[in-house]
Amino acid sequence: MAILALLGLGFMFSVVLFAVLAVGGLLLWGWFWWKTRKGGKPAKVENPQTETPAR
């Protein structure tokens, strides 16, 4: 009977540990994605071939 209780406690601990690691991994991924995302629209690139020359 004690063996079943220990197995149950070990299983519950592993499920909680897995949940904590999964949430931590998602938070870390979300933070990394937020820091490396491109903000808004891309900046307009000036194309020297299409500009009219200064007179």
Protein backbone atom coordinates (compact mmCIF):
# COMPACT_ATOMS: atom_id res chain seq x y z
CA MET A 1 0.00 0.00 0.00
CA ALA A 2 2.85 2.39 0.81
CA ILE A 3 4.37 1.68 -2.60
CA LEU A 4 1.19 2.80 -4.35
CA ALA A 5 1.14 5.98 -2.29
CA LEU A 6 4.76 6.73 -3.20
CA LEU A 7 4.06 6.03 -6.87
CA GLY A 8 1.05 8.36 -6.75
CA LEU A 9 3.06 11.11 -5.07
CA GLY A 10 5.86 10.71 -7.60
CA PHE A 11 3.40 10.88 -10.49
CA MET A 12 1.74 14.01 -9.09
CA PHE A 13 5.13 15.64 -8.55
CA SER A 14 6.18 14.88 -12.11
CA VAL A 15 2.93 16.32 -13.52
CA VAL A 16 3.35 19.52 -11.49
CA LEU A 17 7.00 19.78 -12.50
CA PHE A 18 6.09 19.30 -16.17
CA ALA A 19 3.39 21.99 -15.94
CA VAL A 20 5.77 24.47 -14.29
CA LEU A 21 8.45 23.83 -16.92
CA ALA A 22 5.93 24.13 -19.76
CA VAL A 23 4.60 27.47 -18.47
CA GLY A 24 8.13 28.74 -17.86
CA GLY A 25 9.16 27.73 -21.37
CA LEU A 26 6.15 29.48 -22.88
CA LEU A 27 6.88 32.63 -20.89
CA LEU A 28 10.53 32.58 -21.96
CA TRP A 29 9.55 32.02 -25.60
CA GLY A 30 7.00 34.83 -25.45
CA TRP A 31 9.50 37.21 -23.90
CA PHE A 32 12.14 36.32 -26.52
CA TRP A 33 9.61 36.72 -29.34
CA TRP A 34 8.51 40.12 -27.97
CA LYS A 35 12.09 41.38 -27.77
CA THR A 36 13.02 40.22 -31.28
CA ARG A 37 9.85 41.16 -33.17
CA LYS A 38 9.88 43.86 -35.79
CA GLY A 39 8.10 46.92 -34.53
CA GLY A 40 5.25 48.10 -36.72
CA LYS A 41 5.66 48.68 -40.43
CA PRO A 42 9.11 48.39 -41.95
CA ALA A 43 10.92 51.66 -42.50
CA LYS A 44 10.64 53.15 -45.98
CA VAL A 45 13.81 52.47 -47.91
CA GLU A 46 14.99 55.32 -50.07
CA ASN A 47 15.70 54.15 -53.61
CA PRO A 48 18.23 56.48 -55.27
CA GLN A 49 17.23 55.33 -58.76
CA THR A 50 13.64 56.58 -58.47
CA GLU A 51 14.37 59.97 -56.96
CA THR A 52 14.52 63.01 -59.17
CA PRO A 53 17.92 64.69 -59.25
CA ALA A 54 18.27 68.02 -57.50
CA ARG A 55 18.33 70.98 -59.88
